[in-house]
């Protein structure tokens, strides 16, 4: 996990963070993480499975006839 150090943070800002953290019942560090997560991460992430299902519905569905190869797999050789 990454570590970030913030230098030269005004004392007033630090106090405000501590008060906000206290109101939310968490440490100042946890509050800063929550603020960063909320502000930096996208609100809605692309979910690949959901996108593929929606695509399938738009094109009328797909009927795939996929036959699995029933042969046993060869063990890996580590030589």
PDB file of N, CA and C in Angstrom:
ATOM      1  N   UNK A   1       0.838  -1.171   0.000  1.00  0.00           N
ATOM      2  CA  UNK A   1       0.000   0.000   0.000  1.00  0.00           C
ATOM      3  C   UNK A   1       0.887   1.239   0.000  1.00  0.00           C
ATOM      4  N   UNK A   2       0.475   2.240  -0.733  1.00  0.00           N
ATOM      5  CA  UNK A   2       1.256   3.467  -0.865  1.00  0.00           C
ATOM      6  C   UNK A   2       1.152   4.323   0.395  1.00  0.00           C
ATOM      7  N   UNK A   3       2.179   5.119   0.604  1.00  0.00           N
ATOM      8  CA  UNK A   3       2.219   6.058   1.721  1.00  0.00           C
ATOM      9  C   UNK A   3       2.437   7.452   1.141  1.00  0.00           C
ATOM     10  N   UNK A   4       1.663   8.409   1.625  1.00  0.00           N
ATOM     11  CA  UNK A   4       1.778   9.791   1.154  1.00  0.00           C
ATOM     12  C   UNK A   4       2.046  10.677   2.366  1.00  0.00           C
ATOM     13  N   UNK A   5       2.998  11.578   2.229  1.00  0.00           N
ATOM     14  CA  UNK A   5       3.295  12.552   3.277  1.00  0.00           C
ATOM     15  C   UNK A   5       2.911  13.927   2.765  1.00  0.00           C
ATOM     16  N   UNK A   6       2.164  14.663   3.569  1.00  0.00           N
ATOM     17  CA  UNK A   6       1.764  16.025   3.188  1.00  0.00           C
ATOM     18  C   UNK A   6       2.535  16.985   4.074  1.00  0.00           C
ATOM     19  N   UNK A   7       3.348  17.800   3.444  1.00  0.00           N
ATOM     20  CA  UNK A   7       4.148  18.771   4.188  1.00  0.00           C
ATOM     21  C   UNK A   7       3.491  20.146   4.129  1.00  0.00           C
ATOM     22  N   UNK A   8       3.819  20.958   5.098  1.00  0.00           N
ATOM     23  CA  UNK A   8       3.385  22.355   5.145  1.00  0.00           C
ATOM     24  C   UNK A   8       1.862  22.513   5.150  1.00  0.00           C
ATOM     25  N   UNK A   9       1.180  21.594   5.827  1.00  0.00           N
ATOM     26  CA  UNK A   9      -0.267  21.690   5.976  1.00  0.00           C
ATOM     27  C   UNK A   9      -0.559  22.756   7.031  1.00  0.00           C
ATOM     28  N   UNK A  10      -1.335  23.748   6.699  1.00  0.00           N
ATOM     29  CA  UNK A  10      -1.628  24.790   7.683  1.00  0.00           C
ATOM     30  C   UNK A  10      -2.283  24.200   8.938  1.00  0.00           C
ATOM     31  N   UNK A  11      -1.931  24.753  10.085  1.00  0.00           N
ATOM     32  CA  UNK A  11      -2.469  24.270  11.357  1.00  0.00           C
ATOM     33  C   UNK A  11      -3.991  24.343  11.378  1.00  0.00           C
ATOM     34  N   UNK A  12      -4.544  25.373  10.796  1.00  0.00           N
ATOM     35  CA  UNK A  12      -6.003  25.535  10.738  1.00  0.00           C
ATOM     36  C   UNK A  12      -6.651  24.378   9.969  1.00  0.00           C
ATOM     37  N   UNK A  13      -6.031  23.963   8.875  1.00  0.00           N
ATOM     38  CA  UNK A  13      -6.542  22.847   8.075  1.00  0.00           C
ATOM     39  C   UNK A  13      -6.444  21.550   8.868  1.00  0.00           C
ATOM     40  N   UNK A  14      -5.340  21.361   9.566  1.00  0.00           N
ATOM     41  CA  UNK A  14      -5.169  20.161  10.377  1.00  0.00           C
ATOM     42  C   UNK A  14      -6.218  20.099  11.475  1.00  0.00           C
ATOM     43  N   UNK A  15      -6.482  21.223  12.124  1.00  0.00           N
ATOM     44  CA  UNK A  15      -7.518  21.274  13.164  1.00  0.00           C
ATOM     45  C   UNK A  15      -8.886  20.940  12.583  1.00  0.00           C
ATOM     46  N   UNK A  16      -9.182  21.493  11.409  1.00  0.00           N
ATOM     47  CA  UNK A  16     -10.469  21.229  10.759  1.00  0.00           C
ATOM     48  C   UNK A  16     -10.613  19.743  10.416  1.00  0.00           C
ATOM     49  N   UNK A  17      -9.519  19.117   9.981  1.00  0.00           N
ATOM     50  CA  UNK A  17      -9.545  17.683   9.688  1.00  0.00           C
ATOM     51  C   UNK A  17      -9.810  16.874  10.952  1.00  0.00           C
ATOM     52  N   UNK A  18      -9.183  17.268  12.050  1.00  0.00           N
ATOM     53  CA  UNK A  18      -9.374  16.561  13.312  1.00  0.00           C
ATOM     54  C   UNK A  18     -10.819  16.675  13.787  1.00  0.00           C
ATOM     55  N   UNK A  19     -11.407  17.848  13.647  1.00  0.00           N
ATOM     56  CA  UNK A  19     -12.803  18.051  14.053  1.00  0.00           C
ATOM     57  C   UNK A  19     -13.728  17.214  13.174  1.00  0.00           C
ATOM     58  N   UNK A  20     -13.483  17.251  11.873  1.00  0.00           N
ATOM     59  CA  UNK A  20     -14.311  16.479  10.934  1.00  0.00           C
ATOM     60  C   UNK A  20     -14.195  14.985  11.232  1.00  0.00           C
ATOM     61  N   UNK A  21     -12.989  14.515  11.500  1.00  0.00           N
ATOM     62  CA  UNK A  21     -12.771  13.106  11.819  1.00  0.00           C
ATOM     63  C   UNK A  21     -13.530  12.730  13.089  1.00  0.00           C
ATOM     64  N   UNK A  22     -13.483  13.585  14.066  1.00  0.00           N
ATOM     65  CA  UNK A  22     -14.179  13.333  15.327  1.00  0.00           C
ATOM     66  C   UNK A  22     -15.683  13.220  15.105  1.00  0.00           C
ATOM     67  N   UNK A  23     -16.223  14.087  14.267  1.00  0.00           N
ATOM     68  CA  UNK A  23     -17.661  14.035  13.965  1.00  0.00           C
ATOM     69  C   UNK A  23     -18.052  12.723  13.298  1.00  0.00           C
ATOM     70  N   UNK A  24     -17.147  12.164  12.493  1.00  0.00           N
ATOM     71  CA  UNK A  24     -17.419  10.911  11.795  1.00  0.00           C
ATOM     72  C   UNK A  24     -16.966   9.691  12.588  1.00  0.00           C
ATOM     73  N   UNK A  25     -16.400   9.914  13.764  1.00  0.00           N
ATOM     74  CA  UNK A  25     -15.999   8.811  14.624  1.00  0.00           C
ATOM     75  C   UNK A  25     -14.806   8.028  14.107  1.00  0.00           C
ATOM     76  N   UNK A  26     -13.861   8.714  13.493  1.00  0.00           N
ATOM     77  CA  UNK A  26     -12.661   8.031  13.001  1.00  0.00           C
ATOM     78  C   UNK A  26     -11.435   8.889  13.248  1.00  0.00           C
ATOM     79  N   UNK A  27     -10.279   8.289  13.017  1.00  0.00           N
ATOM     80  CA  UNK A  27      -9.025   9.012  13.217  1.00  0.00           C
ATOM     81  C   UNK A  27      -8.843  10.043  12.108  1.00  0.00           C
ATOM     82  N   UNK A  28      -7.930  10.968  12.340  1.00  0.00           N
ATOM     83  CA  UNK A  28      -7.633  11.976  11.318  1.00  0.00           C
ATOM     84  C   UNK A  28      -7.114  11.306  10.056  1.00  0.00           C
ATOM     85  N   UNK A  29      -6.263  10.311  10.225  1.00  0.00           N
ATOM     86  CA  UNK A  29      -5.717   9.607   9.071  1.00  0.00           C
ATOM     87  C   UNK A  29      -6.826   8.898   8.281  1.00  0.00           C
ATOM     88  N   UNK A  30      -7.751   8.249   8.983  1.00  0.00           N
ATOM     89  CA  UNK A  30      -8.871   7.577   8.311  1.00  0.00           C
ATOM     90  C   UNK A  30      -9.768   8.599   7.606  1.00  0.00           C
ATOM     91  N   UNK A  31      -9.926   9.749   8.209  1.00  0.00           N
ATOM     92  CA  UNK A  31     -10.745  10.801   7.595  1.00  0.00           C
ATOM     93  C   UNK A  31     -10.107  11.296   6.303  1.00  0.00           C
ATOM     94  N   UNK A  32      -8.802  11.483   6.320  1.00  0.00           N
ATOM     95  CA  UNK A  32      -8.090  11.927   5.114  1.00  0.00           C
ATOM     96  C   UNK A  32      -8.234  10.875   4.016  1.00  0.00           C
ATOM     97  N   UNK A  33      -8.110   9.585   4.375  1.00  0.00           N
ATOM     98  CA  UNK A  33      -8.295   8.519   3.382  1.00  0.00           C
ATOM     99  C   UNK A  33      -9.706   8.573   2.796  1.00  0.00           C
ATOM    100  N   UNK A  34     -10.705   8.764   3.648  1.00  0.00           N
ATOM    101  CA  UNK A  34     -12.093   8.819   3.182  1.00  0.00           C
ATOM    102  C   UNK A  34     -12.307   9.993   2.232  1.00  0.00           C
ATOM    103  N   UNK A  35     -11.744  11.143   2.562  1.00  0.00           N
ATOM    104  CA  UNK A  35     -11.871  12.327   1.702  1.00  0.00           C
ATOM    105  C   UNK A  35     -11.232  12.062   0.346  1.00  0.00           C
ATOM    106  N   UNK A  36     -10.033  11.492   0.355  1.00  0.00           N
ATOM    107  CA  UNK A  36      -9.342  11.207  -0.910  1.00  0.00           C
ATOM    108  C   UNK A  36     -10.114  10.192  -1.743  1.00  0.00           C
ATOM    109  N   UNK A  37     -10.609   9.135  -1.109  1.00  0.00           N
ATOM    110  CA  UNK A  37     -11.383   8.124  -1.840  1.00  0.00           C
ATOM    111  C   UNK A  37     -12.611   8.762  -2.491  1.00  0.00           C
ATOM    112  N   UNK A  38     -13.309   9.570  -1.721  1.00  0.00           N
ATOM    113  CA  UNK A  38     -14.546  10.192  -2.206  1.00  0.00           C
ATOM    114  C   UNK A  38     -14.284  11.159  -3.367  1.00  0.00           C
ATOM    115  N   UNK A  39     -13.201  11.897  -3.285  1.00  0.00           N
ATOM    116  CA  UNK A  39     -12.946  12.943  -4.275  1.00  0.00           C
ATOM    117  C   UNK A  39     -12.174  12.474  -5.497  1.00  0.00           C
ATOM    118  N   UNK A  40     -11.347  11.462  -5.360  1.00  0.00           N
ATOM    119  CA  UNK A  40     -10.447  11.088  -6.449  1.00  0.00           C
ATOM    120  C   UNK A  40     -10.985   9.920  -7.272  1.00  0.00           C
ATOM    121  N   UNK A  41     -11.559   8.933  -6.608  1.00  0.00           N
ATOM    122  CA  UNK A  41     -12.051   7.758  -7.326  1.00  0.00           C
ATOM    123  C   UNK A  41     -13.288   8.104  -8.141  1.00  0.00           C
ATOM    124  N   UNK A  42     -13.446   7.459  -9.281  1.00  0.00           N
ATOM    125  CA  UNK A  42     -14.652   7.711 -10.077  1.00  0.00           C
ATOM    126  C   UNK A  42     -15.900   7.288  -9.303  1.00  0.00           C
ATOM    127  N   UNK A  43     -16.973   8.033  -9.491  1.00  0.00           N
ATOM    128  CA  UNK A  43     -18.219   7.735  -8.777  1.00  0.00           C
ATOM    129  C   UNK A  43     -18.786   6.396  -9.213  1.00  0.00           C
ATOM    130  N   UNK A  44     -18.693   6.120 -10.503  1.00  0.00           N
ATOM    131  CA  UNK A  44     -19.207   4.857 -11.006  1.00  0.00           C
ATOM    132  C   UNK A  44     -18.132   4.207 -11.849  1.00  0.00           C
ATOM    133  N   UNK A  45     -17.669   3.062 -11.385  1.00  0.00           N
ATOM    134  CA  UNK A  45     -16.648   2.342 -12.128  1.00  0.00           C
ATOM    135  C   UNK A  45     -17.296   1.435 -13.159  1.00  0.00           C
ATOM    136  N   UNK A  46     -16.582   1.236 -14.256  1.00  0.00           N
ATOM    137  CA  UNK A  46     -17.045   0.324 -15.277  1.00  0.00           C
ATOM    138  C   UNK A  46     -16.960  -1.095 -14.738  1.00  0.00           C
ATOM    139  N   UNK A  47     -18.070  -1.797 -14.788  1.00  0.00           N
ATOM    140  CA  UNK A  47     -18.112  -3.193 -14.388  1.00  0.00           C
ATOM    141  C   UNK A  47     -18.213  -4.013 -15.666  1.00  0.00           C
ATOM    142  N   UNK A  48     -17.156  -4.713 -15.997  1.00  0.00           N
ATOM    143  CA  UNK A  48     -17.034  -5.383 -17.284  1.00  0.00           C
ATOM    144  C   UNK A  48     -18.169  -6.382 -17.507  1.00  0.00           C
ATOM    145  N   UNK A  49     -18.466  -7.187 -16.518  1.00  0.00           N
ATOM    146  CA  UNK A  49     -19.535  -8.177 -16.675  1.00  0.00           C
ATOM    147  C   UNK A  49     -20.868  -7.525 -16.984  1.00  0.00           C
ATOM    148  N   UNK A  50     -21.181  -6.446 -16.277  1.00  0.00           N
ATOM    149  CA  UNK A  50     -22.430  -5.737 -16.502  1.00  0.00           C
ATOM    150  C   UNK A  50     -22.450  -5.125 -17.900  1.00  0.00           C
ATOM    151  N   UNK A  51     -21.325  -4.548 -18.319  1.00  0.00           N
ATOM    152  CA  UNK A  51     -21.244  -3.962 -19.659  1.00  0.00           C
ATOM    153  C   UNK A  51     -21.422  -5.022 -20.740  1.00  0.00           C
ATOM    154  N   UNK A  52     -20.820  -6.189 -20.564  1.00  0.00           N
ATOM    155  CA  UNK A  52     -20.970  -7.260 -21.549  1.00  0.00           C
ATOM    156  C   UNK A  52     -22.406  -7.769 -21.601  1.00  0.00           C
ATOM    157  N   UNK A  53     -23.050  -7.905 -20.452  1.00  0.00           N
ATOM    158  CA  UNK A  53     -24.445  -8.343 -20.423  1.00  0.00           C
ATOM    159  C   UNK A  53     -25.346  -7.335 -21.129  1.00  0.00           C
ATOM    160  N   UNK A  54     -25.106  -6.039 -20.896  1.00  0.00           N
ATOM    161  CA  UNK A  54     -25.898  -5.003 -21.562  1.00  0.00           C
ATOM    162  C   UNK A  54     -25.680  -5.040 -23.067  1.00  0.00           C
ATOM    163  N   UNK A  55     -24.445  -5.256 -23.482  1.00  0.00           N
ATOM    164  CA  UNK A  55     -24.143  -5.365 -24.915  1.00  0.00           C
ATOM    165  C   UNK A  55     -24.898  -6.547 -25.521  1.00  0.00           C
ATOM    166  N   UNK A  56     -24.879  -7.678 -24.837  1.00  0.00           N
ATOM    167  CA  UNK A  56     -25.596  -8.859 -25.322  1.00  0.00           C
ATOM    168  C   UNK A  56     -27.077  -8.594 -25.493  1.00  0.00           C
ATOM    169  N   UNK A  57     -27.664  -7.869 -24.551  1.00  0.00           N
ATOM    170  CA  UNK A  57     -29.094  -7.533 -24.653  1.00  0.00           C
ATOM    171  C   UNK A  57     -29.354  -6.608 -25.832  1.00  0.00           C
ATOM    172  N   UNK A  58     -28.458  -5.629 -26.036  1.00  0.00           N
ATOM    173  CA  UNK A  58     -28.649  -4.675 -27.146  1.00  0.00           C
ATOM    174  C   UNK A  58     -28.616  -5.356 -28.502  1.00  0.00           C
ATOM    175  N   UNK A  59     -27.782  -6.375 -28.663  1.00  0.00           N
ATOM    176  CA  UNK A  59     -27.656  -7.034 -29.963  1.00  0.00           C
ATOM    177  C   UNK A  59     -28.561  -8.258 -30.070  1.00  0.00           C
ATOM    178  N   UNK A  60     -29.441  -8.431 -29.092  1.00  0.00           N
ATOM    179  CA  UNK A  60     -30.391  -9.531 -29.176  1.00  0.00           C
ATOM    180  C   UNK A  60     -29.883 -10.835 -28.601  1.00  0.00           C
ATOM    181  N   UNK A  61     -28.825 -10.782 -27.865  1.00  0.00           N
ATOM    182  CA  UNK A  61     -28.289 -11.984 -27.234  1.00  0.00           C
ATOM    183  C   UNK A  61     -27.344 -12.751 -28.147  1.00  0.00           C
ATOM    184  N   UNK A  62     -26.599 -13.606 -27.577  1.00  0.00           N
ATOM    185  CA  UNK A  62     -25.651 -14.420 -28.316  1.00  0.00           C
ATOM    186  C   UNK A  62     -25.850 -15.872 -27.910  1.00  0.00           C
ATOM    187  N   UNK A  63     -25.891 -16.743 -28.884  1.00  0.00           N
ATOM    188  CA  UNK A  63     -26.015 -18.164 -28.600  1.00  0.00           C
ATOM    189  C   UNK A  63     -24.699 -18.819 -28.964  1.00  0.00           C
ATOM    190  N   UNK A  64     -23.878 -19.021 -27.984  1.00  0.00           N
ATOM    191  CA  UNK A  64     -22.564 -19.597 -28.238  1.00  0.00           C
ATOM    192  C   UNK A  64     -22.606 -21.103 -28.033  1.00  0.00           C
ATOM    193  N   UNK A  65     -22.141 -21.811 -28.994  1.00  0.00           N
ATOM    194  CA  UNK A  65     -22.035 -23.267 -28.888  1.00  0.00           C
ATOM    195  C   UNK A  65     -20.557 -23.589 -28.697  1.00  0.00           C
ATOM    196  N   UNK A  66     -20.116 -23.559 -27.482  1.00  0.00           N
ATOM    197  CA  UNK A  66     -18.713 -23.804 -27.179  1.00  0.00           C
ATOM    198  C   UNK A  66     -18.600 -25.183 -26.540  1.00  0.00           C
ATOM    199  N   UNK A  67     -17.802 -26.023 -27.162  1.00  0.00           N
ATOM    200  CA  UNK A  67     -17.559 -27.344 -26.613  1.00  0.00           C
ATOM    201  C   UNK A  67     -16.201 -27.340 -25.932  1.00  0.00           C
ATOM    202  N   UNK A  68     -16.198 -27.774 -24.683  1.00  0.00           N
ATOM    203  CA  UNK A  68     -14.932 -27.852 -23.953  1.00  0.00           C
ATOM    204  C   UNK A  68     -14.111 -29.021 -24.440  1.00  0.00           C
ATOM    205  N   UNK A  69     -12.834 -28.835 -24.484  1.00  0.00           N
ATOM    206  CA  UNK A  69     -11.914 -29.918 -24.794  1.00  0.00           C
ATOM    207  C   UNK A  69     -11.882 -30.833 -23.565  1.00  0.00           C
ATOM    208  N   UNK A  70     -12.286 -32.067 -23.727  1.00  0.00           N
ATOM    209  CA  UNK A  70     -12.400 -32.986 -22.596  1.00  0.00           C
ATOM    210  C   UNK A  70     -11.097 -33.698 -22.252  1.00  0.00           C
ATOM    211  N   UNK A  71     -10.046 -33.478 -23.061  1.00  0.00           N
ATOM    212  CA  UNK A  71      -8.766 -34.126 -22.784  1.00  0.00           C
ATOM    213  C   UNK A  71      -8.164 -33.577 -21.495  1.00  0.00           C
ATOM    214  N   UNK A  72      -7.549 -34.447 -20.702  1.00  0.00           N
ATOM    215  CA  UNK A  72      -6.909 -33.945 -19.484  1.00  0.00           C
ATOM    216  C   UNK A  72      -5.743 -33.012 -19.839  1.00  0.00           C
ATOM    217  N   UNK A  73      -5.534 -32.032 -18.989  1.00  0.00           N
ATOM    218  CA  UNK A  73      -4.429 -31.104 -19.232  1.00  0.00           C
ATOM    219  C   UNK A  73      -3.105 -31.738 -18.832  1.00  0.00           C
ATOM    220  N   UNK A  74      -2.074 -31.321 -19.487  1.00  0.00           N
ATOM    221  CA  UNK A  74      -0.732 -31.820 -19.177  1.00  0.00           C
ATOM    222  C   UNK A  74      -0.197 -31.063 -17.968  1.00  0.00           C
ATOM    223  N   UNK A  75       0.453 -31.748 -17.054  1.00  0.00           N
ATOM    224  CA  UNK A  75       1.026 -31.045 -15.900  1.00  0.00           C
ATOM    225  C   UNK A  75       2.165 -30.125 -16.348  1.00  0.00           C
ATOM    226  N   UNK A  76       2.360 -29.057 -15.611  1.00  0.00           N
ATOM    227  CA  UNK A  76       3.432 -28.116 -15.919  1.00  0.00           C
ATOM    228  C   UNK A  76       4.776 -28.755 -15.633  1.00  0.00           C
ATOM    229  N   UNK A  77       5.735 -28.445 -16.490  1.00  0.00           N
ATOM    230  CA  UNK A  77       7.104 -28.954 -16.307  1.00  0.00           C
ATOM    231  C   UNK A  77       7.991 -27.793 -15.867  1.00  0.00           C
ATOM    232  N   UNK A  78       8.582 -27.894 -14.723  1.00  0.00           N
ATOM    233  CA  UNK A  78       9.446 -26.849 -14.193  1.00  0.00           C
ATOM    234  C   UNK A  78      10.890 -27.321 -14.250  1.00  0.00           C
ATOM    235  N   UNK A  79      11.452 -27.247 -15.418  1.00  0.00           N
ATOM    236  CA  UNK A  79      12.830 -27.704 -15.604  1.00  0.00           C
ATOM    237  C   UNK A  79      13.705 -26.602 -16.094  1.00  0.00           C
TER     238      UNK A  79
END
